[in-house]
Structures are given as structure tokens and as C-alpha cells.
């Protein structure tokens, strides 16, 4: 999403160049009408320079856009077994600062009221449940931040259908001051309601493997208790 002030600046600069180009074309035609060939050539050169300047500005403008931080948000139901996460990712070209997440009830011109997603901690999904700390100081280029939402089935029990939300991601391009950006992102969990929990069986296998150390510790503990009881029984004999 391109910030409004960047769009307005581009429109203003290109608009001025276009008006200058139109003026130079008019001067060229007027010089030709009067038969002043040297003035006509000069005005035509100005028009050509304006066209070149517009193309050069577009190249610089696109390069500056590529350097802006760009944040996206999405629900992730695949990375962790039976656990939903909300992912904030910086896909832009520089660091985003003072990153905040909020939920909007309205979106665009729609009259529909959108709910806020409830999470495992009892409140709504947030970077931090305490409003004083509900932000990220920075999110670097290519970096992602994962927010725990809830268990897969528990989420649908707590949140009424349809589970459609409007998340607003706010951030600045400098630590102090700078330009502030607000991006409204439609997010939905309905697409996951009618799909498999995981499209890769390896996710459950990896989860089961992670539980093995705990199971082995429990077996070792029971064997130790059993050996102790055998030792006491032998001593009694």
C-alpha cells in the first residue's frame, strides 16, 4: 500500500511538469505561427526535456517506494500443530518503527460492523495485552513477528462465525518523528474452517516427536520407582 502523502506528492510534481509541458507546446505552436523558427525549436526542446524529466522522476519515485517499509498481516495455521498465530511481516525495503496493531469495526464505505478476534489470553488479539506495551519498537526488513492467537478448535468456539476481521497495522519510518502509516488489512479465518487442519502430515509428526523426550523422562521415572521398590523388597527378604 502506497501512503497517501507519497501519492499526493507524485500527483503534484507530475501535474506541474505536465502544465509546463503544455505551456511549452503552446509557445512552440505560437512561434511557428509567427514564423520564429529559433524560438519554436527552443520551446520544443523544453517540451522534450519535460517528458524526459517525467520519466526520470518516475524511476526515482519507484526507487523511493521500494525503500519504504511495507507491513502485511496474516493468520498462520500451519507452522505450529493445532495452534493459530497472527504474523506481522515487513516485506518493504527498510525498518518499520513503533509498530501497532488494532481492530477496526468499519471498513471503507461498508455499513457492516466487524468483530474483534478473541485470543487465548481472554482479551482480543494484540501484540501485548497491556496497552502501554502494545507495540513493537521495530520490525526490520524481511523480519516477521508471531502473535499467539489460540488453539485451532478453541478459536472457533470463542469467536462467532463469520470470523472476518479488519486489522489496522500502524507504523512510522523513523524511530522518532517521521511519517506515520496506517494500513487496513481484511483478515479471515473462514477459509481455514473448511480445510484440513494441516496440509502436511509432517506437522503432526514433528509435534509428536517433540513430545518424545517428556515421554522418555516419564518412563525413566517409573523405572526408577520400580527399581527402588524391587530393592526394598529384596532387602526385606
C-alpha atoms as a PDB file:
ATOM      1  CA  UNK A   1       0.000   0.000   0.000  1.00  0.00           C
ATOM      2  CA  UNK A   2       1.369   3.393  -1.032  1.00  0.00           C
ATOM      3  CA  UNK A   3       0.955   6.115   1.641  1.00  0.00           C
ATOM      4  CA  UNK A   4      -1.423   8.943   0.721  1.00  0.00           C
ATOM      5  CA  UNK A   5       1.153  11.696   1.186  1.00  0.00           C
ATOM      6  CA  UNK A   6       3.502   9.938  -1.256  1.00  0.00           C
ATOM      7  CA  UNK A   7       0.706   9.642  -3.833  1.00  0.00           C
ATOM      8  CA  UNK A   8      -0.237  13.307  -3.374  1.00  0.00           C
ATOM      9  CA  UNK A   9       3.387  14.419  -3.787  1.00  0.00           C
ATOM     10  CA  UNK A  10       3.713  12.422  -7.008  1.00  0.00           C
ATOM     11  CA  UNK A  11       0.488  13.856  -8.400  1.00  0.00           C
ATOM     12  CA  UNK A  12       1.594  17.403  -7.543  1.00  0.00           C
ATOM     13  CA  UNK A  13       5.047  17.148  -9.134  1.00  0.00           C
ATOM     14  CA  UNK A  14       3.854  15.391 -12.302  1.00  0.00           C
ATOM     15  CA  UNK A  15       0.933  17.820 -12.560  1.00  0.00           C
ATOM     16  CA  UNK A  16       3.297  20.800 -12.513  1.00  0.00           C
ATOM     17  CA  UNK A  17       5.515  19.173 -15.148  1.00  0.00           C
ATOM     18  CA  UNK A  18       2.527  18.466 -17.393  1.00  0.00           C
ATOM     19  CA  UNK A  19       1.321  22.072 -17.186  1.00  0.00           C
ATOM     20  CA  UNK A  20       4.822  23.301 -18.044  1.00  0.00           C
ATOM     21  CA  UNK A  21       4.881  20.883 -20.980  1.00  0.00           C
ATOM     22  CA  UNK A  22       1.502  22.108 -22.231  1.00  0.00           C
ATOM     23  CA  UNK A  23       2.698  25.704 -21.942  1.00  0.00           C
ATOM     24  CA  UNK A  24       5.873  24.954 -23.893  1.00  0.00           C
ATOM     25  CA  UNK A  25       3.856  23.219 -26.649  1.00  0.00           C
ATOM     26  CA  UNK A  26       1.592  26.268 -26.895  1.00  0.00           C
ATOM     27  CA  UNK A  27       4.648  28.507 -27.150  1.00  0.00           C
ATOM     28  CA  UNK A  28       6.048  26.243 -29.872  1.00  0.00           C
ATOM     29  CA  UNK A  29       2.845  26.467 -31.908  1.00  0.00           C
ATOM     30  CA  UNK A  30       2.671  30.229 -31.433  1.00  0.00           C
ATOM     31  CA  UNK A  31       6.312  30.654 -32.538  1.00  0.00           C
ATOM     32  CA  UNK A  32       5.612  28.555 -35.630  1.00  0.00           C
ATOM     33  CA  UNK A  33       2.579  30.701 -36.364  1.00  0.00           C
ATOM     34  CA  UNK A  34       4.744  33.849 -36.202  1.00  0.00           C
ATOM     35  CA  UNK A  35       7.492  32.205 -38.204  1.00  0.00           C
ATOM     36  CA  UNK A  36      10.062  32.462 -35.394  1.00  0.00           C
ATOM     37  CA  UNK A  37      11.833  29.193 -36.021  1.00  0.00           C
ATOM     38  CA  UNK A  38      14.572  29.541 -33.412  1.00  0.00           C
ATOM     39  CA  UNK A  39      12.029  30.217 -30.644  1.00  0.00           C
ATOM     40  CA  UNK A  40       9.944  27.277 -31.831  1.00  0.00           C
ATOM     41  CA  UNK A  41      12.958  24.946 -31.654  1.00  0.00           C
ATOM     42  CA  UNK A  42      13.770  26.189 -28.138  1.00  0.00           C
ATOM     43  CA  UNK A  43      10.200  25.637 -26.935  1.00  0.00           C
ATOM     44  CA  UNK A  44      10.194  22.181 -28.496  1.00  0.00           C
ATOM     45  CA  UNK A  45      13.437  21.354 -26.660  1.00  0.00           C
ATOM     46  CA  UNK A  46      11.780  22.402 -23.393  1.00  0.00           C
ATOM     47  CA  UNK A  47       8.865  20.036 -24.131  1.00  0.00           C
ATOM     48  CA  UNK A  48      11.275  17.172 -24.785  1.00  0.00           C
ATOM     49  CA  UNK A  49      13.126  17.963 -21.555  1.00  0.00           C
ATOM     50  CA  UNK A  50       9.843  17.905 -19.616  1.00  0.00           C
ATOM     51  CA  UNK A  51       8.990  14.450 -20.993  1.00  0.00           C
ATOM     52  CA  UNK A  52      12.452  13.177 -20.014  1.00  0.00           C
ATOM     53  CA  UNK A  53      12.073  14.729 -16.563  1.00  0.00           C
ATOM     54  CA  UNK A  54       8.735  12.934 -16.025  1.00  0.00           C
ATOM     55  CA  UNK A  55      10.271   9.565 -16.909  1.00  0.00           C
ATOM     56  CA  UNK A  56      13.287  10.269 -14.659  1.00  0.00           C
ATOM     57  CA  UNK A  57      11.002  11.263 -11.788  1.00  0.00           C
ATOM     58  CA  UNK A  58       9.001   8.018 -12.165  1.00  0.00           C
ATOM     59  CA  UNK A  59      12.218   5.995 -11.863  1.00  0.00           C
ATOM     60  CA  UNK A  60      13.281   7.906  -8.733  1.00  0.00           C
ATOM     61  CA  UNK A  61       9.753   7.693  -7.314  1.00  0.00           C
ATOM     62  CA  UNK A  62       9.628   3.905  -7.776  1.00  0.00           C
ATOM     63  CA  UNK A  63      13.050   3.534  -6.162  1.00  0.00           C
ATOM     64  CA  UNK A  64      11.896   5.564  -3.140  1.00  0.00           C
ATOM     65  CA  UNK A  65       8.764   3.395  -2.851  1.00  0.00           C
ATOM     66  CA  UNK A  66      10.916   0.270  -2.808  1.00  0.00           C
ATOM     67  CA  UNK A  67      12.815   1.709   0.174  1.00  0.00           C
ATOM     68  CA  UNK A  68       9.693   2.295   2.258  1.00  0.00           C
ATOM     69  CA  UNK A  69       8.709  -0.209   4.979  1.00  0.00           C
ATOM     70  CA  UNK A  70       5.696  -2.283   3.943  1.00  0.00           C
ATOM     71  CA  UNK A  71       3.875  -4.408   6.518  1.00  0.00           C
ATOM     72  CA  UNK A  72       1.401  -7.216   5.972  1.00  0.00           C
ATOM     73  CA  UNK A  73      -0.613  -9.315   8.435  1.00  0.00           C
ATOM     74  CA  UNK A  74      -1.960 -12.843   8.022  1.00  0.00           C
ATOM     75  CA  UNK A  75      -3.267 -15.759  10.064  1.00  0.00           C
ATOM     76  CA  UNK A  76      -0.973 -18.796  10.175  1.00  0.00           C
ATOM     77  CA  UNK A  77      -2.491 -22.206  10.924  1.00  0.00           C
ATOM     78  CA  UNK A  78       0.265 -24.377   9.507  1.00  0.00           C
ATOM     79  CA  UNK A  79       3.534 -23.526  11.258  1.00  0.00           C
ATOM     80  CA  UNK A  80       2.504 -24.943  14.651  1.00  0.00           C
ATOM     81  CA  UNK A  81       0.388 -28.012  15.289  1.00  0.00           C
ATOM     82  CA  UNK A  82      -3.210 -27.103  16.257  1.00  0.00           C
ATOM     83  CA  UNK A  83      -2.163 -23.526  17.036  1.00  0.00           C
ATOM     84  CA  UNK A  84      -3.180 -20.309  15.282  1.00  0.00           C
ATOM     85  CA  UNK A  85      -0.751 -17.404  15.033  1.00  0.00           C
ATOM     86  CA  UNK A  86      -1.051 -13.906  13.605  1.00  0.00           C
ATOM     87  CA  UNK A  87       2.027 -12.953  11.607  1.00  0.00           C
ATOM     88  CA  UNK A  88       3.220  -9.379  11.079  1.00  0.00           C
ATOM     89  CA  UNK A  89       5.825  -9.268   8.314  1.00  0.00           C
ATOM     90  CA  UNK A  90       7.884  -6.407   6.881  1.00  0.00           C
ATOM     91  CA  UNK A  91       8.153  -7.008   3.119  1.00  0.00           C
ATOM     92  CA  UNK A  92       9.420  -3.476   2.414  1.00  0.00           C
ATOM     93  CA  UNK A  93      12.888  -2.090   1.902  1.00  0.00           C
ATOM     94  CA  UNK A  94      13.608  -0.543   5.311  1.00  0.00           C
ATOM     95  CA  UNK A  95      12.841  -0.858   9.024  1.00  0.00           C
ATOM     96  CA  UNK A  96       9.382  -0.059  10.386  1.00  0.00           C
ATOM     97  CA  UNK A  97       9.235   1.563  13.832  1.00  0.00           C
ATOM     98  CA  UNK A  98       6.548   1.865  16.523  1.00  0.00           C
ATOM     99  CA  UNK A  99       4.502  -0.967  15.019  1.00  0.00           C
ATOM    100  CA  UNK A 100       0.975  -1.214  16.456  1.00  0.00           C
ATOM    101  CA  UNK A 101      -1.990  -3.494  15.799  1.00  0.00           C
ATOM    102  CA  UNK A 102      -5.650  -2.586  16.254  1.00  0.00           C
ATOM    103  CA  UNK A 103      -9.005  -3.889  15.033  1.00  0.00           C
ATOM    104  CA  UNK A 104     -11.490  -1.748  13.102  1.00  0.00           C
ATOM    105  CA  UNK A 105     -15.260  -2.054  13.245  1.00  0.00           C
ATOM    106  CA  UNK A 106     -15.739  -0.300   9.881  1.00  0.00           C
ATOM    107  CA  UNK A 107     -14.037  -0.831   6.534  1.00  0.00           C
ATOM    108  CA  UNK A 108     -14.312   1.608   3.663  1.00  0.00           C
ATOM    109  CA  UNK A 109     -17.876   2.598   2.800  1.00  0.00           C
ATOM    110  CA  UNK A 110     -19.379  -0.631   4.147  1.00  0.00           C
ATOM    111  CA  UNK A 111     -22.066  -0.297   6.823  1.00  0.00           C
ATOM    112  CA  UNK A 112     -21.206  -3.695   8.240  1.00  0.00           C
ATOM    113  CA  UNK A 113     -19.819  -3.884  11.781  1.00  0.00           C
ATOM    114  CA  UNK A 114     -16.798  -6.160  12.036  1.00  0.00           C
ATOM    115  CA  UNK A 115     -15.944  -8.001  15.304  1.00  0.00           C
ATOM    116  CA  UNK A 116     -12.581  -8.253  17.054  1.00  0.00           C
ATOM    117  CA  UNK A 117     -10.881 -11.676  17.311  1.00  0.00           C
ATOM    118  CA  UNK A 118     -10.671 -13.110  20.817  1.00  0.00           C
ATOM    119  CA  UNK A 119      -7.474 -14.851  21.879  1.00  0.00           C
ATOM    120  CA  UNK A 120      -6.211 -17.417  24.373  1.00  0.00           C
ATOM    121  CA  UNK A 121      -5.422 -14.740  26.985  1.00  0.00           C
ATOM    122  CA  UNK A 122      -9.024 -13.653  27.404  1.00  0.00           C
ATOM    123  CA  UNK A 123      -8.832 -10.358  25.539  1.00  0.00           C
ATOM    124  CA  UNK A 124      -8.523  -9.546  21.869  1.00  0.00           C
ATOM    125  CA  UNK A 125      -5.567 -10.470  19.662  1.00  0.00           C
ATOM    126  CA  UNK A 126      -2.806  -7.935  20.310  1.00  0.00           C
ATOM    127  CA  UNK A 127       0.960  -7.560  20.295  1.00  0.00           C
ATOM    128  CA  UNK A 128       0.744  -7.180  24.086  1.00  0.00           C
ATOM    129  CA  UNK A 129      -2.322  -7.401  26.336  1.00  0.00           C
ATOM    130  CA  UNK A 130      -1.144  -4.343  28.282  1.00  0.00           C
ATOM    131  CA  UNK A 131      -1.927  -1.256  26.175  1.00  0.00           C
ATOM    132  CA  UNK A 132       1.157   0.529  27.493  1.00  0.00           C
ATOM    133  CA  UNK A 133       3.365  -2.092  25.831  1.00  0.00           C
ATOM    134  CA  UNK A 134       1.112  -2.941  22.891  1.00  0.00           C
ATOM    135  CA  UNK A 135       3.661  -2.189  20.137  1.00  0.00           C
ATOM    136  CA  UNK A 136       6.898  -3.344  18.557  1.00  0.00           C
ATOM    137  CA  UNK A 137       9.807  -0.918  18.772  1.00  0.00           C
ATOM    138  CA  UNK A 138      10.998  -2.010  15.337  1.00  0.00           C
ATOM    139  CA  UNK A 139      10.474  -4.619  12.644  1.00  0.00           C
ATOM    140  CA  UNK A 140      13.419  -4.898  10.277  1.00  0.00           C
ATOM    141  CA  UNK A 141      13.352  -5.556   6.544  1.00  0.00           C
ATOM    142  CA  UNK A 142      12.346  -9.184   5.945  1.00  0.00           C
ATOM    143  CA  UNK A 143      11.603  -9.782   9.654  1.00  0.00           C
ATOM    144  CA  UNK A 144       8.411 -11.388  10.967  1.00  0.00           C
ATOM    145  CA  UNK A 145       6.715 -11.217  14.366  1.00  0.00           C
ATOM    146  CA  UNK A 146       4.430 -14.057  15.512  1.00  0.00           C
ATOM    147  CA  UNK A 147       1.499 -13.459  17.863  1.00  0.00           C
ATOM    148  CA  UNK A 148      -0.131 -16.430  19.609  1.00  0.00           C
ATOM    149  CA  UNK A 149      -3.885 -16.394  18.935  1.00  0.00           C
ATOM    150  CA  UNK A 150      -5.389 -19.634  20.260  1.00  0.00           C
ATOM    151  CA  UNK A 151      -5.730 -23.347  19.707  1.00  0.00           C
ATOM    152  CA  UNK A 152      -7.278 -24.339  16.387  1.00  0.00           C
ATOM    153  CA  UNK A 153     -10.623 -25.604  17.720  1.00  0.00           C
ATOM    154  CA  UNK A 154     -10.734 -23.263  20.729  1.00  0.00           C
ATOM    155  CA  UNK A 155     -10.605 -20.252  18.408  1.00  0.00           C
ATOM    156  CA  UNK A 156     -13.827 -21.212  16.632  1.00  0.00           C
ATOM    157  CA  UNK A 157     -15.519 -21.933  19.962  1.00  0.00           C
ATOM    158  CA  UNK A 158     -14.741 -18.415  21.257  1.00  0.00           C
ATOM    159  CA  UNK A 159     -15.362 -16.472  18.050  1.00  0.00           C
ATOM    160  CA  UNK A 160     -18.738 -16.487  16.342  1.00  0.00           C
ATOM    161  CA  UNK A 161     -18.995 -17.016  12.605  1.00  0.00           C
ATOM    162  CA  UNK A 162     -18.234 -15.432  10.274  1.00  0.00           C
ATOM    163  CA  UNK A 163     -14.706 -14.931  11.574  1.00  0.00           C
ATOM    164  CA  UNK A 164     -13.900 -11.957   9.330  1.00  0.00           C
ATOM    165  CA  UNK A 165     -11.881  -9.050  10.727  1.00  0.00           C
ATOM    166  CA  UNK A 166     -10.297  -5.758   9.704  1.00  0.00           C
ATOM    167  CA  UNK A 167      -6.828  -5.338  11.165  1.00  0.00           C
ATOM    168  CA  UNK A 168      -5.077  -1.970  11.138  1.00  0.00           C
ATOM    169  CA  UNK A 169      -1.274  -2.037  11.186  1.00  0.00           C
ATOM    170  CA  UNK A 170       0.252   1.328  12.105  1.00  0.00           C
ATOM    171  CA  UNK A 171       3.940   2.233  11.993  1.00  0.00           C
ATOM    172  CA  UNK A 172       6.435   5.006  11.305  1.00  0.00           C
ATOM    173  CA  UNK A 173       9.517   5.127   9.072  1.00  0.00           C
ATOM    174  CA  UNK A 174      11.696   6.656  11.798  1.00  0.00           C
ATOM    175  CA  UNK A 175      12.135   5.926  15.499  1.00  0.00           C
ATOM    176  CA  UNK A 176      11.229   9.492  16.483  1.00  0.00           C
ATOM    177  CA  UNK A 177       9.053  11.603  14.234  1.00  0.00           C
ATOM    178  CA  UNK A 178       8.968  10.641  10.569  1.00  0.00           C
ATOM    179  CA  UNK A 179       5.891   9.736   8.567  1.00  0.00           C
ATOM    180  CA  UNK A 180       3.132   7.610  10.058  1.00  0.00           C
ATOM    181  CA  UNK A 181       1.429   4.896   8.015  1.00  0.00           C
ATOM    182  CA  UNK A 182      -1.900   3.132   8.619  1.00  0.00           C
ATOM    183  CA  UNK A 183      -2.732   0.026   6.597  1.00  0.00           C
ATOM    184  CA  UNK A 184      -6.152  -1.644   6.909  1.00  0.00           C
ATOM    185  CA  UNK A 185      -5.974  -5.365   6.087  1.00  0.00           C
ATOM    186  CA  UNK A 186      -9.024  -7.671   5.730  1.00  0.00           C
ATOM    187  CA  UNK A 187      -8.313 -10.952   7.554  1.00  0.00           C
ATOM    188  CA  UNK A 188     -10.463 -14.060   7.651  1.00  0.00           C
ATOM    189  CA  UNK A 189     -10.347 -17.418   9.405  1.00  0.00           C
ATOM    190  CA  UNK A 190     -13.317 -18.764   7.423  1.00  0.00           C
ATOM    191  CA  UNK A 191     -11.039 -20.211   4.757  1.00  0.00           C
ATOM    192  CA  UNK A 192      -9.446 -22.480   7.381  1.00  0.00           C
ATOM    193  CA  UNK A 193     -12.791 -23.633   8.780  1.00  0.00           C
ATOM    194  CA  UNK A 194     -13.498 -25.772   5.715  1.00  0.00           C
ATOM    195  CA  UNK A 195      -9.978 -27.077   5.073  1.00  0.00           C
ATOM    196  CA  UNK A 196      -7.757 -29.719   6.636  1.00  0.00           C
ATOM    197  CA  UNK A 197      -6.087 -28.725   9.905  1.00  0.00           C
ATOM    198  CA  UNK A 198      -2.746 -29.173   8.172  1.00  0.00           C
ATOM    199  CA  UNK A 199      -1.973 -29.824   4.533  1.00  0.00           C
ATOM    200  CA  UNK A 200       1.250 -31.581   5.541  1.00  0.00           C
ATOM    201  CA  UNK A 201       1.195 -34.668   7.760  1.00  0.00           C
ATOM    202  CA  UNK A 202       4.785 -33.855   8.781  1.00  0.00           C
ATOM    203  CA  UNK A 203       3.436 -31.104  11.064  1.00  0.00           C
ATOM    204  CA  UNK A 204       1.712 -33.633  13.342  1.00  0.00           C
ATOM    205  CA  UNK A 205       4.692 -35.996  13.119  1.00  0.00           C
ATOM    206  CA  UNK A 206       7.072 -33.229  14.215  1.00  0.00           C
ATOM    207  CA  UNK A 207       4.719 -32.363  17.082  1.00  0.00           C
ATOM    208  CA  UNK A 208       4.649 -35.997  18.209  1.00  0.00           C
ATOM    209  CA  UNK A 209       8.447 -36.218  18.040  1.00  0.00           C
ATOM    210  CA  UNK A 210       8.715 -33.104  20.231  1.00  0.00           C
ATOM    211  CA  UNK A 211       6.712 -34.927  22.921  1.00  0.00           C
ATOM    212  CA  UNK A 212       9.068 -37.936  22.963  1.00  0.00           C
ATOM    213  CA  UNK A 213      11.627 -36.509  25.458  1.00  0.00           C
ATOM    214  CA  UNK A 214       8.879 -35.914  28.002  1.00  0.00           C
ATOM    215  CA  UNK A 215       7.523 -39.430  27.486  1.00  0.00           C
ATOM    216  CA  UNK A 216      11.004 -40.913  27.871  1.00  0.00           C
ATOM    217  CA  UNK A 217      11.564 -38.944  31.081  1.00  0.00           C
ATOM    218  CA  UNK A 218       8.280 -40.310  32.445  1.00  0.00           C
ATOM    219  CA  UNK A 219       9.289 -43.878  31.532  1.00  0.00           C
ATOM    220  CA  UNK A 220      12.681 -43.385  33.192  1.00  0.00           C
ATOM    221  CA  UNK A 221      10.971 -42.044  36.308  1.00  0.00           C
ATOM    222  CA  UNK A 222       8.608 -45.024  36.508  1.00  0.00           C
ATOM    223  CA  UNK A 223      11.521 -47.447  36.001  1.00  0.00           C
ATOM    224  CA  UNK A 224      13.430 -45.730  38.801  1.00  0.00           C
ATOM    225  CA  UNK A 225      10.444 -46.088  41.148  1.00  0.00           C
ATOM    226  CA  UNK A 226      10.033 -49.710  40.104  1.00  0.00           C
ATOM    227  CA  UNK A 227      13.729 -50.473  40.746  1.00  0.00           C
ATOM    228  CA  UNK A 228      13.506 -48.794  44.147  1.00  0.00           C
ATOM    229  CA  UNK A 229      10.538 -50.960  45.101  1.00  0.00           C
ATOM    230  CA  UNK A 230      12.390 -54.099  43.954  1.00  0.00           C
ATOM    231  CA  UNK A 231      15.395 -53.100  46.047  1.00  0.00           C
ATOM    232  CA  UNK A 232      13.247 -52.627  49.143  1.00  0.00           C
ATOM    233  CA  UNK A 233      11.539 -55.973  48.515  1.00  0.00           C
ATOM    234  CA  UNK A 234      14.905 -57.766  48.189  1.00  0.00           C
ATOM    235  CA  UNK A 235      16.165 -56.196  51.392  1.00  0.00           C
ATOM    236  CA  UNK A 236      13.052 -57.397  53.197  1.00  0.00           C
ATOM    237  CA  UNK A 237      13.776 -60.957  52.209  1.00  0.00           C
END
